[in-house]
Amino acid sequence: MTAFVLTLQALHLIHQLDSTSMAQARTLLDQAITYDPDYAPAYSHMASLQMKWILQGWSEDEMTDRKLAARPENSVIPDLMDHRQHCDPGPS
């Protein structure tokens, strides 16, 4: 399978918007990146998935996920996390 096909399969799962599908999509994107480290769309979709994962509150280890999000290829995510913290009213 090519990185392109793996990424397409991951996109189908990402759009289901549930944690099980997202975890499967993460595995597929990891495979795509391993198969072709120069295939930029796989990194882009991994960054998007990681952002959704954290923002949905599905992270079991938010610090590790934040470190993953802070990798240079995922540089948009820390900015979005800061935005979430400023917009989150917290417990009522």
C-alpha atoms as a PDB file:
ATOM      1  CA  MET A   1       0.000   0.000   0.000  1.00  0.00           C
ATOM      2  CA  THR A   2       1.223   3.534  -0.712  1.00  0.00           C
ATOM      3  CA  ALA A   3       1.344   6.499   1.654  1.00  0.00           C
ATOM      4  CA  PHE A   4      -1.385   8.085  -0.464  1.00  0.00           C
ATOM      5  CA  VAL A   5      -3.761   5.127  -0.014  1.00  0.00           C
ATOM      6  CA  LEU A   6      -3.019   4.850   3.712  1.00  0.00           C
ATOM      7  CA  THR A   7      -3.739   8.572   4.106  1.00  0.00           C
ATOM      8  CA  LEU A   8      -7.032   8.261   2.214  1.00  0.00           C
ATOM      9  CA  GLN A   9      -8.081   5.404   4.477  1.00  0.00           C
ATOM     10  CA  ALA A  10      -7.162   7.505   7.505  1.00  0.00           C
ATOM     11  CA  LEU A  11      -9.225  10.452   6.227  1.00  0.00           C
ATOM     12  CA  HIS A  12     -12.288   8.249   5.966  1.00  0.00           C
ATOM     13  CA  LEU A  13     -11.849   7.294   9.632  1.00  0.00           C
ATOM     14  CA  ILE A  14     -11.069  10.849  10.784  1.00  0.00           C
ATOM     15  CA  HIS A  15     -14.375  12.077   9.405  1.00  0.00           C
ATOM     16  CA  GLN A  16     -16.279   9.597  11.571  1.00  0.00           C
ATOM     17  CA  LEU A  17     -15.304  11.796  14.557  1.00  0.00           C
ATOM     18  CA  ASP A  18     -15.171   9.136  17.272  1.00  0.00           C
ATOM     19  CA  SER A  19     -12.181   8.146  19.370  1.00  0.00           C
ATOM     20  CA  THR A  20     -11.969   4.571  18.075  1.00  0.00           C
ATOM     21  CA  SER A  21     -11.914   5.665  14.432  1.00  0.00           C
ATOM     22  CA  MET A  22      -9.433   8.429  15.225  1.00  0.00           C
ATOM     23  CA  ALA A  23      -7.091   5.940  16.928  1.00  0.00           C
ATOM     24  CA  GLN A  24      -7.261   3.706  13.847  1.00  0.00           C
ATOM     25  CA  ALA A  25      -6.607   6.738  11.633  1.00  0.00           C
ATOM     26  CA  ARG A  26      -3.548   7.623  13.728  1.00  0.00           C
ATOM     27  CA  THR A  27      -2.167   4.122  13.126  1.00  0.00           C
ATOM     28  CA  LEU A  28      -2.728   4.434   9.377  1.00  0.00           C
ATOM     29  CA  LEU A  29      -1.061   7.853   9.266  1.00  0.00           C
ATOM     30  CA  ASP A  30       1.904   6.503  11.233  1.00  0.00           C
ATOM     31  CA  GLN A  31       2.179   3.754   8.616  1.00  0.00           C
ATOM     32  CA  ALA A  32       1.962   6.305   5.794  1.00  0.00           C
ATOM     33  CA  ILE A  33       4.733   8.410   7.355  1.00  0.00           C
ATOM     34  CA  THR A  34       6.900   5.335   7.870  1.00  0.00           C
ATOM     35  CA  TYR A  35       6.277   4.187   4.296  1.00  0.00           C
ATOM     36  CA  ASP A  36       7.091   7.603   2.798  1.00  0.00           C
ATOM     37  CA  PRO A  37       8.639  10.136   5.206  1.00  0.00           C
ATOM     38  CA  ASP A  38       8.502  12.789   2.449  1.00  0.00           C
ATOM     39  CA  TYR A  39       4.725  12.552   1.926  1.00  0.00           C
ATOM     40  CA  ALA A  40       3.638  15.884   3.441  1.00  0.00           C
ATOM     41  CA  PRO A  41      -0.155  15.286   3.462  1.00  0.00           C
ATOM     42  CA  ALA A  42       0.273  12.471   5.988  1.00  0.00           C
ATOM     43  CA  TYR A  43       1.971  14.908   8.394  1.00  0.00           C
ATOM     44  CA  SER A  44      -0.690  17.532   7.795  1.00  0.00           C
ATOM     45  CA  HIS A  45      -3.529  15.139   8.529  1.00  0.00           C
ATOM     46  CA  MET A  46      -1.685  13.767  11.570  1.00  0.00           C
ATOM     47  CA  ALA A  47      -1.467  17.319  12.932  1.00  0.00           C
ATOM     48  CA  SER A  48      -5.173  17.830  12.325  1.00  0.00           C
ATOM     49  CA  LEU A  49      -6.012  14.509  13.966  1.00  0.00           C
ATOM     50  CA  GLN A  50      -3.824  15.320  16.966  1.00  0.00           C
ATOM     51  CA  MET A  51      -5.518  18.699  17.367  1.00  0.00           C
ATOM     52  CA  LYS A  52      -8.971  17.093  17.293  1.00  0.00           C
ATOM     53  CA  TRP A  53      -7.837  14.370  19.712  1.00  0.00           C
ATOM     54  CA  ILE A  54      -6.695  16.895  22.304  1.00  0.00           C
ATOM     55  CA  LEU A  55      -9.573  19.343  21.823  1.00  0.00           C
ATOM     56  CA  GLN A  56     -12.163  16.547  22.173  1.00  0.00           C
ATOM     57  CA  GLY A  57     -10.641  15.634  25.545  1.00  0.00           C
ATOM     58  CA  TRP A  58      -9.758  12.088  24.460  1.00  0.00           C
ATOM     59  CA  SER A  59      -6.145  12.329  25.528  1.00  0.00           C
ATOM     60  CA  GLU A  60      -5.174   9.968  28.320  1.00  0.00           C
ATOM     61  CA  ASP A  61      -1.814  11.718  28.694  1.00  0.00           C
ATOM     62  CA  GLU A  62      -2.239  15.337  27.671  1.00  0.00           C
ATOM     63  CA  MET A  63       1.377  16.282  28.398  1.00  0.00           C
ATOM     64  CA  THR A  64       2.665  13.599  26.026  1.00  0.00           C
ATOM     65  CA  ASP A  65       0.116  14.641  23.416  1.00  0.00           C
ATOM     66  CA  ARG A  66       1.141  18.275  23.810  1.00  0.00           C
ATOM     67  CA  LYS A  67       4.792  17.275  23.264  1.00  0.00           C
ATOM     68  CA  LEU A  68       3.757  15.392  20.139  1.00  0.00           C
ATOM     69  CA  ALA A  69       1.754  18.401  19.014  1.00  0.00           C
ATOM     70  CA  ALA A  70       4.752  20.682  19.564  1.00  0.00           C
ATOM     71  CA  ARG A  71       6.892  18.886  16.979  1.00  0.00           C
ATOM     72  CA  PRO A  72       7.871  21.296  14.186  1.00  0.00           C
ATOM     73  CA  GLU A  73       5.726  19.521  11.602  1.00  0.00           C
ATOM     74  CA  ASN A  74       2.697  20.016  13.879  1.00  0.00           C
ATOM     75  CA  SER A  75       3.457  23.622  14.814  1.00  0.00           C
ATOM     76  CA  VAL A  76      -0.134  24.922  14.488  1.00  0.00           C
ATOM     77  CA  ILE A  77      -1.423  22.824  17.383  1.00  0.00           C
ATOM     78  CA  PRO A  78       0.168  24.657  20.350  1.00  0.00           C
ATOM     79  CA  ASP A  79      -1.395  27.903  19.105  1.00  0.00           C
ATOM     80  CA  LEU A  80      -4.808  26.235  18.983  1.00  0.00           C
ATOM     81  CA  MET A  81      -4.324  24.770  22.462  1.00  0.00           C
ATOM     82  CA  ASP A  82      -3.592  28.252  23.808  1.00  0.00           C
ATOM     83  CA  HIS A  83      -6.757  29.473  22.063  1.00  0.00           C
ATOM     84  CA  ARG A  84      -8.774  26.661  23.690  1.00  0.00           C
ATOM     85  CA  GLN A  85      -7.486  27.596  27.141  1.00  0.00           C
ATOM     86  CA  HIS A  86      -8.488  31.233  26.660  1.00  0.00           C
ATOM     87  CA  CYS A  87     -11.956  30.296  25.387  1.00  0.00           C
ATOM     88  CA  ASP A  88     -12.709  27.523  27.895  1.00  0.00           C
ATOM     89  CA  PRO A  89     -14.857  29.008  30.675  1.00  0.00           C
ATOM     90  CA  GLY A  90     -14.007  26.080  32.964  1.00  0.00           C
ATOM     91  CA  PRO A  91     -16.410  24.582  35.498  1.00  0.00           C
ATOM     92  CA  SER A  92     -19.490  26.602  36.287  1.00  0.00           C
END
